[in-house]
Amino acid sequence: GGVLAWRRAPFAVVVVGAAATTALLRLAGVQ
């Protein structure tokens, strides 16, 4: 289980990073 989680971690980081970037861009656009 740990190995699968470790392999999925990079994908999760990319998804979270993209979502955070989009949120920041939206907030910056509103301001």
N, C-alpha and C. Protein backbone atom coordinates (compact mmCIF):
# COMPACT_ATOMS: atom_id res chain seq x y z
N GLY A 1 0.82 -1.21 0.00
CA GLY A 1 0.00 0.00 0.00
C GLY A 1 0.85 1.25 0.00
N GLY A 2 1.95 1.21 0.77
CA GLY A 2 2.81 2.39 0.84
C GLY A 2 3.43 2.73 -0.49
N VAL A 3 3.81 1.67 -1.24
CA VAL A 3 4.45 1.91 -2.54
C VAL A 3 3.47 2.58 -3.50
N LEU A 4 2.24 2.11 -3.51
CA LEU A 4 1.24 2.71 -4.40
C LEU A 4 0.99 4.16 -4.02
N ALA A 5 0.93 4.42 -2.72
CA ALA A 5 0.70 5.78 -2.25
C ALA A 5 1.87 6.67 -2.67
N TRP A 6 3.09 6.14 -2.58
CA TRP A 6 4.27 6.91 -2.96
C TRP A 6 4.26 7.21 -4.45
N ARG A 7 3.77 6.24 -5.27
CA ARG A 7 3.73 6.46 -6.71
C ARG A 7 2.64 7.45 -7.09
N ARG A 8 1.57 7.48 -6.29
CA ARG A 8 0.47 8.41 -6.58
C ARG A 8 0.75 9.80 -6.04
N ALA A 9 1.68 9.92 -5.10
CA ALA A 9 1.97 11.20 -4.46
C ALA A 9 2.30 12.29 -5.48
N PRO A 10 3.22 12.06 -6.43
CA PRO A 10 3.56 13.12 -7.40
C PRO A 10 2.33 13.61 -8.16
N PHE A 11 1.44 12.70 -8.55
CA PHE A 11 0.23 13.08 -9.27
C PHE A 11 -0.65 13.97 -8.40
N ALA A 12 -0.78 13.59 -7.12
CA ALA A 12 -1.60 14.38 -6.20
C ALA A 12 -1.00 15.77 -6.01
N VAL A 13 0.33 15.83 -5.91
CA VAL A 13 1.00 17.12 -5.74
C VAL A 13 0.75 18.02 -6.94
N VAL A 14 0.80 17.44 -8.14
CA VAL A 14 0.56 18.23 -9.36
C VAL A 14 -0.87 18.74 -9.38
N VAL A 15 -1.82 17.87 -9.02
CA VAL A 15 -3.24 18.28 -9.02
C VAL A 15 -3.48 19.39 -8.00
N VAL A 16 -2.96 19.20 -6.79
CA VAL A 16 -3.14 20.21 -5.74
C VAL A 16 -2.45 21.51 -6.13
N GLY A 17 -1.26 21.40 -6.70
CA GLY A 17 -0.53 22.60 -7.12
C GLY A 17 -1.28 23.35 -8.21
N ALA A 18 -1.83 22.62 -9.17
CA ALA A 18 -2.58 23.26 -10.25
C ALA A 18 -3.83 23.94 -9.70
N ALA A 19 -4.51 23.28 -8.78
CA ALA A 19 -5.72 23.87 -8.19
C ALA A 19 -5.37 25.13 -7.40
N ALA A 20 -4.28 25.08 -6.65
CA ALA A 20 -3.86 26.23 -5.86
C ALA A 20 -3.48 27.39 -6.77
N THR A 21 -2.76 27.08 -7.85
CA THR A 21 -2.35 28.12 -8.80
C THR A 21 -3.58 28.76 -9.43
N THR A 22 -4.55 27.93 -9.82
CA THR A 22 -5.77 28.46 -10.43
C THR A 22 -6.51 29.36 -9.45
N ALA A 23 -6.58 28.92 -8.19
CA ALA A 23 -7.27 29.72 -7.17
C ALA A 23 -6.56 31.06 -6.97
N LEU A 24 -5.24 31.03 -6.92
CA LEU A 24 -4.48 32.28 -6.74
C LEU A 24 -4.68 33.21 -7.92
N LEU A 25 -4.69 32.65 -9.14
CA LEU A 25 -4.89 33.47 -10.33
C LEU A 25 -6.29 34.09 -10.31
N ARG A 26 -7.29 33.31 -9.87
CA ARG A 26 -8.66 33.84 -9.81
C ARG A 26 -8.75 34.95 -8.78
N LEU A 27 -8.11 34.76 -7.62
CA LEU A 27 -8.13 35.79 -6.59
C LEU A 27 -7.41 37.04 -7.09
N ALA A 28 -6.30 36.85 -7.77
CA ALA A 28 -5.54 37.99 -8.30
C ALA A 28 -6.37 38.71 -9.36
N GLY A 29 -7.13 37.93 -10.14
CA GLY A 29 -7.96 38.53 -11.20
C GLY A 29 -9.09 39.34 -10.60
N VAL A 30 -9.66 38.85 -9.48
CA VAL A 30 -10.76 39.56 -8.84
C VAL A 30 -10.26 40.88 -8.27
N GLN A 31 -9.09 40.84 -7.67
CA GLN A 31 -8.54 42.05 -7.09
C GLN A 31 -8.01 42.95 -8.20
